[in-house]
Amino acid sequence: MGIERALRRKKNSTSALASQPRHNRSKLSLKTGPYKSTAIVKSTLSVLMWTTLLSLTTLLASLAYIRYQQQFLTPSVALVLGGAPERERFAAQFAKTHPTVEIWVSSGSNPEYAQWVFDEARVPVEQWHLDYRAVDTVTNFTTLVDELETRNVGEIYLITSDYHMRRASVIAQIVLGSRGINFKPIAIPTEQSPERPETMLREVRDGARSILWVVTGKTGSEWKALLKDKS
C-alpha cells in the first residue's frame, strides 16, 4: 500500500507540473538561471582577486627580502654601466675608496677619456677594465655575465645613474640571477633629467628581452641581426 501511495503522489505532482502553462515554467527557470550565473561570476572574481593579491604580496615580500639581503653584500667586482661621463668619474672615485674592488666599465665613454679619468684619480691600471661590446642596457649585462660566472664572481656592485637604476635592476635580477650572481645597487645622484625619459614600458620591454636572452641565449637585437643576415 505504501509503495502504491508514493507512486500516486509522484504521478499527481508530475501531472500538476505538466498542467502549468509554459510561460509560467519559463518564468521559473528565468528566476533561478540569472541568480546562479551571478553567483558563479562573483565566486570567480573573488578567486581572481585573492590570487592577484597573494601574488603581489609574494612579489613584494621577495623584493623586500632581496633589498634587505643586498645590504650585507661585500662584492669584489663593480659593474659600471656606460651612458654618461659622470659614471666613469664616480667609478674612479669609488675605486680609490675601494682599492680591492675590480672595476668593469661596460660601453662607457671613449677609451681616451676613461683612461684620463682613472689616471687622474691615480687608480692602478690593473684595477679597472673597459669593455665595449654592449650596445644597450640589456647587453651591458649579457656581454659580461658569462665572464663573471667563469671567474666565480658571486656578487657585484651595480653602478649607474639614479634615474637609470630601476630599469637596470630589473635586467640585473633576470640576467645576473640566471647565473646565481647577486648585486648591490649604487645609484649616482644626478641633477639633470635624461634625454630619453625612463618609463615603465621600457622596463617591461627590457625585462622581456632579458627573459628572451635567458631562454634562447640571444637578445632581441641579436635575433633581429641574425634574421636580417638570413634574409
Protein backbone atom coordinates (compact mmCIF):
# COMPACT_ATOMS: atom_id res chain seq x y z
CA MET A 1 0.00 0.00 0.00
CA GLY A 2 2.82 2.42 0.92
CA ILE A 3 4.50 1.94 -2.44
CA GLU A 4 1.24 2.49 -4.32
CA ARG A 5 0.61 5.76 -2.42
CA ALA A 6 4.10 7.03 -3.24
CA LEU A 7 3.64 6.24 -6.93
CA ARG A 8 0.29 8.05 -6.96
CA ARG A 9 1.79 11.17 -5.32
CA LYS A 10 4.63 11.24 -7.87
CA LYS A 11 2.16 10.84 -10.71
CA ASN A 12 -0.05 13.62 -9.36
CA SER A 13 2.88 16.04 -8.94
CA THR A 14 4.07 15.33 -12.48
CA SER A 15 0.59 15.89 -13.83
CA ALA A 16 0.32 19.19 -11.92
CA LEU A 17 3.61 20.43 -13.36
CA ALA A 18 2.58 19.41 -16.85
CA SER A 19 -0.74 21.22 -16.42
CA GLN A 20 1.02 24.53 -15.70
CA PRO A 21 1.21 26.96 -18.62
CA ARG A 22 4.54 27.02 -20.44
CA HIS A 23 5.11 30.72 -19.77
CA ASN A 24 4.91 30.02 -16.00
CA ARG A 25 7.60 27.36 -16.26
CA SER A 26 9.78 29.74 -18.31
CA LYS A 27 9.43 32.39 -15.61
CA LEU A 28 10.54 29.87 -13.01
CA SER A 29 13.68 28.97 -14.95
CA LEU A 30 14.46 32.64 -15.56
CA LYS A 31 14.25 33.31 -11.84
CA THR A 32 16.84 30.69 -10.95
CA GLY A 33 19.16 31.00 -14.00
CA PRO A 34 20.49 34.58 -13.59
CA TYR A 35 20.98 34.19 -9.85
CA LYS A 36 23.10 31.10 -10.42
CA SER A 37 25.18 32.86 -13.12
CA THR A 38 25.74 35.89 -10.88
CA ALA A 39 26.92 33.67 -8.05
CA ILE A 40 29.42 31.95 -10.36
CA VAL A 41 30.75 35.30 -11.62
CA LYS A 42 31.13 36.62 -8.07
CA SER A 43 32.91 33.45 -6.99
CA THR A 44 35.31 33.63 -9.98
CA LEU A 45 36.08 37.31 -9.35
CA SER A 46 36.72 36.60 -5.70
CA VAL A 47 39.18 33.83 -6.56
CA LEU A 48 40.98 36.07 -9.08
CA MET A 49 41.16 38.93 -6.60
CA TRP A 50 42.67 36.79 -3.85
CA THR A 51 45.07 35.11 -6.30
CA THR A 52 46.27 38.51 -7.55
CA LEU A 53 46.60 39.82 -4.01
CA LEU A 54 48.59 36.77 -2.96
CA SER A 55 50.88 37.07 -6.00
CA LEU A 56 51.54 40.78 -5.33
CA THR A 57 52.19 40.10 -1.66
CA THR A 58 54.65 37.34 -2.55
CA LEU A 59 56.40 39.58 -5.09
CA LEU A 60 56.69 42.50 -2.67
CA ALA A 61 57.95 40.21 0.08
CA SER A 62 60.57 38.77 -2.29
CA LEU A 63 61.73 42.24 -3.34
CA ALA A 64 61.91 43.37 0.29
CA TYR A 65 64.00 40.31 1.18
CA ILE A 66 66.33 40.90 -1.76
CA ARG A 67 66.86 44.55 -0.75
CA TYR A 68 67.48 43.51 2.83
CA GLN A 69 69.99 40.89 1.70
CA GLN A 70 71.76 43.39 -0.58
CA GLN A 71 72.79 45.48 2.43
CA PHE A 72 75.16 42.75 3.61
CA LEU A 73 76.88 42.06 0.30
CA THR A 74 80.60 42.87 0.05
CA PRO A 75 81.42 42.40 -3.65
CA SER A 76 84.92 42.32 -5.06
CA VAL A 77 83.77 43.45 -8.52
CA ALA A 78 81.87 46.56 -9.65
CA LEU A 79 79.97 46.75 -12.94
CA VAL A 80 79.64 50.31 -14.21
CA LEU A 81 77.04 50.83 -16.93
CA GLY A 82 78.16 53.28 -19.59
CA GLY A 83 75.99 56.04 -20.96
CA ALA A 84 77.05 59.18 -19.10
CA PRO A 85 80.52 60.64 -18.34
CA GLU A 86 79.74 61.10 -14.65
CA ARG A 87 79.57 57.33 -14.26
CA GLU A 88 83.27 56.93 -15.08
CA ARG A 89 84.12 59.83 -12.77
CA PHE A 90 82.15 58.26 -9.95
CA ALA A 91 83.69 54.85 -10.68
CA ALA A 92 87.21 56.31 -10.43
CA GLN A 93 86.48 57.82 -7.02
CA PHE A 94 84.78 54.60 -5.93
CA ALA A 95 87.87 52.65 -6.98
CA LYS A 96 90.06 54.93 -4.84
CA THR A 97 87.97 54.28 -1.73
CA HIS A 98 87.63 50.56 -2.55
CA PRO A 99 91.13 49.54 -3.66
CA THR A 100 90.32 45.82 -3.55
CA VAL A 101 87.31 46.14 -5.88
CA GLU A 102 87.85 45.42 -9.57
CA ILE A 103 86.05 47.94 -11.82
CA TRP A 104 84.44 46.89 -15.11
CA VAL A 105 83.04 49.70 -17.30
CA SER A 106 80.64 48.44 -19.96
CA SER A 107 80.44 50.57 -23.13
CA GLY A 108 81.13 53.87 -21.44
CA SER A 109 82.89 56.95 -22.78
CA ASN A 110 85.67 56.67 -25.34
CA PRO A 111 88.82 54.87 -24.10
CA GLU A 112 90.95 58.03 -24.09
CA TYR A 113 88.58 59.88 -21.78
CA ALA A 114 88.05 56.86 -19.50
CA GLN A 115 91.78 56.32 -19.17
CA TRP A 116 92.33 60.01 -18.39
CA VAL A 117 89.65 59.87 -15.64
CA PHE A 118 91.19 56.82 -13.94
CA ASP A 119 94.72 58.15 -14.33
CA GLU A 120 93.72 61.50 -12.81
CA ALA A 121 92.28 59.62 -9.83
CA ARG A 122 95.50 57.57 -9.66
CA VAL A 123 93.70 54.25 -9.90
CA PRO A 124 96.09 51.42 -10.81
CA VAL A 125 95.66 50.17 -14.37
CA GLU A 126 95.16 46.58 -13.20
CA GLN A 127 92.14 47.63 -11.12
CA TRP A 128 89.92 48.80 -13.98
CA HIS A 129 88.81 47.34 -17.31
CA LEU A 130 86.93 48.75 -20.30
CA ASP A 131 84.56 46.65 -22.41
CA TYR A 132 82.78 47.99 -25.49
CA ARG A 133 80.71 45.02 -26.69
CA ALA A 134 77.39 46.25 -25.25
CA VAL A 135 75.02 48.29 -27.39
CA ASP A 136 72.30 48.90 -24.79
CA THR A 137 71.44 48.27 -21.14
CA VAL A 138 70.47 44.62 -21.65
CA THR A 139 73.75 43.81 -23.38
CA ASN A 140 75.64 45.66 -20.63
CA PHE A 141 74.85 42.53 -18.64
CA THR A 142 74.67 39.76 -21.25
CA THR A 143 78.13 40.52 -22.68
CA LEU A 144 79.85 40.20 -19.28
CA VAL A 145 77.78 37.77 -17.21
CA ASP A 146 79.50 34.65 -18.62
CA GLU A 147 82.91 36.08 -17.82
CA LEU A 148 81.78 36.92 -14.30
CA GLU A 149 80.49 33.38 -13.87
CA THR A 150 83.76 31.92 -15.22
CA ARG A 151 85.66 33.95 -12.62
CA ASN A 152 83.35 32.57 -9.90
CA VAL A 153 82.05 36.05 -9.09
CA GLY A 154 79.00 35.59 -6.87
CA GLU A 155 78.15 39.22 -6.19
CA ILE A 156 78.85 42.63 -7.72
CA TYR A 157 78.31 46.32 -7.15
CA LEU A 158 75.97 47.72 -9.81
CA ILE A 159 76.83 51.35 -10.55
CA THR A 160 74.75 53.63 -12.75
CA SER A 161 72.81 56.93 -12.63
CA ASP A 162 69.90 57.16 -10.19
CA TYR A 163 67.29 57.60 -12.94
CA HIS A 164 68.67 54.50 -14.72
CA MET A 165 68.91 52.22 -11.70
CA ARG A 166 65.37 50.86 -11.62
CA ARG A 167 65.45 49.57 -15.20
CA ALA A 168 69.00 48.29 -14.74
CA SER A 169 67.90 46.43 -11.60
CA VAL A 170 65.06 44.71 -13.48
CA ILE A 171 67.55 43.43 -16.05
CA ALA A 172 70.10 42.50 -13.38
CA GLN A 173 67.56 40.44 -11.46
CA ILE A 174 66.93 38.34 -14.58
CA VAL A 175 70.33 38.14 -16.30
CA LEU A 176 72.61 38.02 -13.25
CA GLY A 177 70.06 35.98 -11.34
CA SER A 178 70.12 33.32 -14.05
CA ARG A 179 73.78 32.75 -13.14
CA GLY A 180 73.29 32.96 -9.39
CA ILE A 181 75.02 36.35 -9.15
CA ASN A 182 73.71 38.86 -6.59
CA PHE A 183 74.16 42.60 -6.90
CA LYS A 184 74.29 45.63 -4.65
CA PRO A 185 72.99 48.77 -6.39
CA ILE A 186 74.85 52.06 -6.04
CA ALA A 187 72.94 54.90 -7.66
CA ILE A 188 74.82 58.02 -8.74
CA PRO A 189 72.87 61.19 -7.83
CA THR A 190 72.13 63.35 -10.86
CA GLU A 191 70.51 66.76 -11.19
CA GLN A 192 69.72 66.73 -14.90
CA SER A 193 66.95 64.61 -16.42
CA PRO A 194 67.95 62.12 -19.12
CA GLU A 195 67.35 62.99 -22.77
CA ARG A 196 65.15 59.91 -23.10
CA PRO A 197 62.84 59.56 -20.08
CA GLU A 198 62.75 56.26 -18.20
CA THR A 199 59.27 54.71 -18.36
CA MET A 200 57.52 51.59 -17.13
CA LEU A 201 57.18 50.50 -20.75
CA ARG A 202 60.97 50.47 -21.18
CA GLU A 203 61.35 48.43 -18.00
CA VAL A 204 58.79 45.85 -19.17
CA ARG A 205 60.36 45.73 -22.64
CA ASP A 206 63.90 45.20 -21.33
CA GLY A 207 62.62 42.68 -18.80
CA ALA A 208 61.07 40.70 -21.67
CA ARG A 209 64.29 40.98 -23.70
CA SER A 210 66.26 39.69 -20.72
CA ILE A 211 63.96 36.68 -20.36
CA LEU A 212 64.36 36.03 -24.10
CA TRP A 213 68.14 36.01 -23.62
CA VAL A 214 67.92 33.60 -20.66
CA VAL A 215 65.73 31.21 -22.68
CA THR A 216 67.46 31.41 -26.08
CA GLY A 217 70.93 32.79 -25.34
CA LYS A 218 70.33 35.76 -27.66
CA THR A 219 68.86 39.22 -27.14
CA GLY A 220 66.18 40.73 -29.35
CA SER A 221 68.74 42.83 -31.22
CA GLU A 222 70.87 39.74 -31.86
CA TRP A 223 67.86 37.83 -33.21
CA LYS A 224 66.99 40.78 -35.41
CA ALA A 225 70.51 40.92 -36.86
CA LEU A 226 70.51 37.12 -37.38
CA LEU A 227 67.20 37.16 -39.24
CA LYS A 228 68.37 40.11 -41.32
CA ASP A 229 71.52 38.21 -42.37
CA LYS A 230 69.46 35.16 -43.37
CA SER A 231 67.10 37.25 -45.48
